[in-house]
Amino acid sequence: MQAQEYLLKIMRLKQAALQKHLGVEDYFTEADQEEILSWSEDECQGLLHKMYLIGAVGTAQCCPWCRKYASLCGECTYATRHKSCGAYGSTYRMILDHLPAVYETFIELPGLRTAIYQLIFVHYINEPWYSVKYRKGKE
């Protein structure tokens, strides 16, 4: 699987969980998907590698845009469509406002963290291109 496909799958998993458990329908839109498809494979591999290195178990840690723009929220293209995460009325803020108190983050919704973990920490690191690019001299 190519890196772009991993990023798309992660976002689709999050969208499906949010829709099922919270009724959120616009977390990952067609425009978001088109943007990921416009990124180069090399850039997508770099973003996945950042997710892998930081553990990708929290909300921001497994967001391609948070990894791409780091703390430069004003430059974030996801924020141009959904508002900056902390902004009143943003997609992310609405998710937090509707998240049951039992969850600290929406990544804890049933099955989501495990699915993302499997993608990144089991499948991704076993891709042939990962070994060639990121494991040089480590074997």
Protein backbone atom coordinates (compact mmCIF):
# COMPACT_ATOMS: atom_id res chain seq x y z
CA MET A 1 0.00 0.00 0.00
CA GLN A 2 1.29 3.48 -0.80
CA ALA A 3 1.70 6.14 1.90
CA GLN A 4 -1.17 8.22 0.49
CA GLU A 5 -3.46 5.24 0.94
CA TYR A 6 -2.43 4.92 4.59
CA LEU A 7 -3.24 8.58 5.25
CA LEU A 8 -6.59 8.25 3.50
CA LYS A 9 -7.40 5.09 5.43
CA ILE A 10 -6.54 6.73 8.77
CA MET A 11 -8.80 9.67 7.97
CA ARG A 12 -11.62 7.40 6.75
CA LEU A 13 -11.37 5.33 9.94
CA LYS A 14 -11.69 8.48 12.03
CA GLN A 15 -14.62 9.74 9.92
CA ALA A 16 -16.46 6.42 10.22
CA ALA A 17 -16.01 6.30 14.01
CA LEU A 18 -17.10 9.92 14.42
CA GLN A 19 -20.15 9.39 12.24
CA LYS A 20 -21.14 6.17 13.99
CA HIS A 21 -20.65 7.35 17.58
CA LEU A 22 -21.21 11.11 17.41
CA GLY A 23 -23.13 11.70 14.18
CA VAL A 24 -20.32 13.88 12.74
CA GLU A 25 -20.48 13.79 8.96
CA ASP A 26 -17.94 16.39 7.84
CA TYR A 27 -14.70 15.58 9.65
CA PHE A 28 -13.09 14.20 6.48
CA THR A 29 -14.58 15.62 3.32
CA GLU A 30 -14.06 15.05 -0.38
CA ALA A 31 -11.96 18.25 -0.48
CA ASP A 32 -9.75 16.85 2.30
CA GLN A 33 -9.33 13.62 0.37
CA GLU A 34 -8.45 15.51 -2.81
CA GLU A 35 -5.80 17.46 -0.93
CA ILE A 36 -4.13 14.30 0.37
CA LEU A 37 -4.20 12.91 -3.16
CA SER A 38 -2.37 16.04 -4.33
CA TRP A 39 0.53 15.43 -1.95
CA SER A 40 3.58 13.61 -3.29
CA GLU A 41 4.25 10.06 -2.20
CA ASP A 42 7.50 11.25 -0.62
CA GLU A 43 5.67 13.86 1.46
CA CYS A 44 3.07 11.28 2.55
CA GLN A 45 5.82 8.88 3.58
CA GLY A 46 7.41 11.64 5.65
CA LEU A 47 4.11 12.44 7.38
CA LEU A 48 3.51 8.77 8.19
CA HIS A 49 7.04 8.49 9.52
CA LYS A 50 6.41 11.48 11.82
CA MET A 51 3.23 9.77 13.05
CA TYR A 52 5.19 6.61 13.72
CA LEU A 53 7.99 8.42 15.58
CA ILE A 54 5.65 10.31 17.94
CA GLY A 55 3.41 7.36 18.68
CA ALA A 56 0.31 8.46 16.74
CA VAL A 57 -2.08 7.55 19.52
CA GLY A 58 -3.65 10.96 20.14
CA THR A 59 -5.87 13.14 18.02
CA ALA A 60 -3.25 15.58 16.71
CA GLN A 61 -0.56 12.91 16.48
CA CYS A 62 -2.49 11.00 13.83
CA CYS A 63 -3.72 13.99 11.83
CA PRO A 64 -1.80 14.44 8.56
CA TRP A 65 -2.39 18.20 8.66
CA CYS A 66 -1.13 18.55 12.25
CA ARG A 67 1.99 16.65 11.24
CA LYS A 68 2.42 18.70 8.06
CA TYR A 69 1.91 22.15 9.57
CA ALA A 70 3.18 21.40 13.10
CA SER A 71 2.07 24.36 15.23
CA LEU A 72 1.51 26.71 12.27
CA CYS A 73 -2.27 26.48 12.44
CA GLY A 74 -2.67 29.72 10.50
CA GLU A 75 -1.11 28.01 7.47
CA CYS A 76 -3.09 24.78 7.82
CA THR A 77 -5.20 24.04 4.76
CA TYR A 78 -7.52 21.73 6.76
CA ALA A 79 -8.24 24.76 8.98
CA THR A 80 -9.25 26.81 5.94
CA ARG A 81 -12.07 24.31 5.34
CA HIS A 82 -12.97 23.35 8.92
CA LYS A 83 -11.67 26.32 10.98
CA SER A 84 -8.64 26.08 13.26
CA CYS A 85 -9.06 23.25 15.76
CA GLY A 86 -9.42 25.49 18.80
CA ALA A 87 -11.71 28.02 17.11
CA TYR A 88 -15.34 28.35 18.13
CA GLY A 89 -17.50 26.51 15.59
CA SER A 90 -14.66 24.43 14.15
CA THR A 91 -15.33 20.83 13.21
CA TYR A 92 -12.86 19.66 15.87
CA ARG A 93 -14.38 21.89 18.58
CA MET A 94 -17.87 20.54 17.78
CA ILE A 95 -16.52 17.00 18.15
CA LEU A 96 -15.06 17.81 21.56
CA ASP A 97 -18.31 19.47 22.64
CA HIS A 98 -20.26 16.30 21.80
CA LEU A 99 -17.71 13.77 23.03
CA PRO A 100 -19.01 11.77 25.99
CA ALA A 101 -17.11 12.58 29.19
CA VAL A 102 -15.83 9.00 29.40
CA TYR A 103 -13.43 9.76 26.52
CA GLU A 104 -10.47 12.09 26.83
CA THR A 105 -10.05 12.24 23.04
CA PHE A 106 -12.12 10.94 20.15
CA ILE A 107 -9.32 8.52 19.23
CA GLU A 108 -10.59 6.52 22.21
CA LEU A 109 -13.90 5.80 20.47
CA PRO A 110 -14.42 2.01 20.31
CA GLY A 111 -11.95 0.31 18.00
CA LEU A 112 -10.44 3.46 16.51
CA ARG A 113 -7.13 3.61 18.37
CA THR A 114 -6.51 -0.10 17.71
CA ALA A 115 -7.27 0.26 14.00
CA ILE A 116 -4.91 3.23 13.62
CA TYR A 117 -2.25 1.49 15.69
CA GLN A 118 -2.49 -1.59 13.44
CA LEU A 119 -2.12 0.52 10.32
CA ILE A 120 0.92 2.46 11.50
CA PHE A 121 2.75 0.15 13.87
CA VAL A 122 2.09 -3.19 12.19
CA HIS A 123 1.47 -2.67 8.47
CA TYR A 124 3.23 0.61 7.63
CA ILE A 125 6.60 -0.27 9.14
CA ASN A 126 6.62 -3.54 7.21
CA GLU A 127 6.22 -1.88 3.81
CA PRO A 128 9.25 -2.48 1.54
CA TRP A 129 9.60 1.24 0.86
CA TYR A 130 9.69 1.95 4.61
CA SER A 131 12.61 -0.41 5.11
CA VAL A 132 14.54 1.10 2.21
CA LYS A 133 13.93 4.72 3.22
CA TYR A 134 13.97 4.71 7.02
CA ARG A 135 15.90 1.65 8.16
CA LYS A 136 19.12 2.26 6.24
CA GLY A 137 22.03 0.98 8.27
CA LYS A 138 19.81 -0.16 11.16
CA GLU A 139 19.61 -3.82 10.30
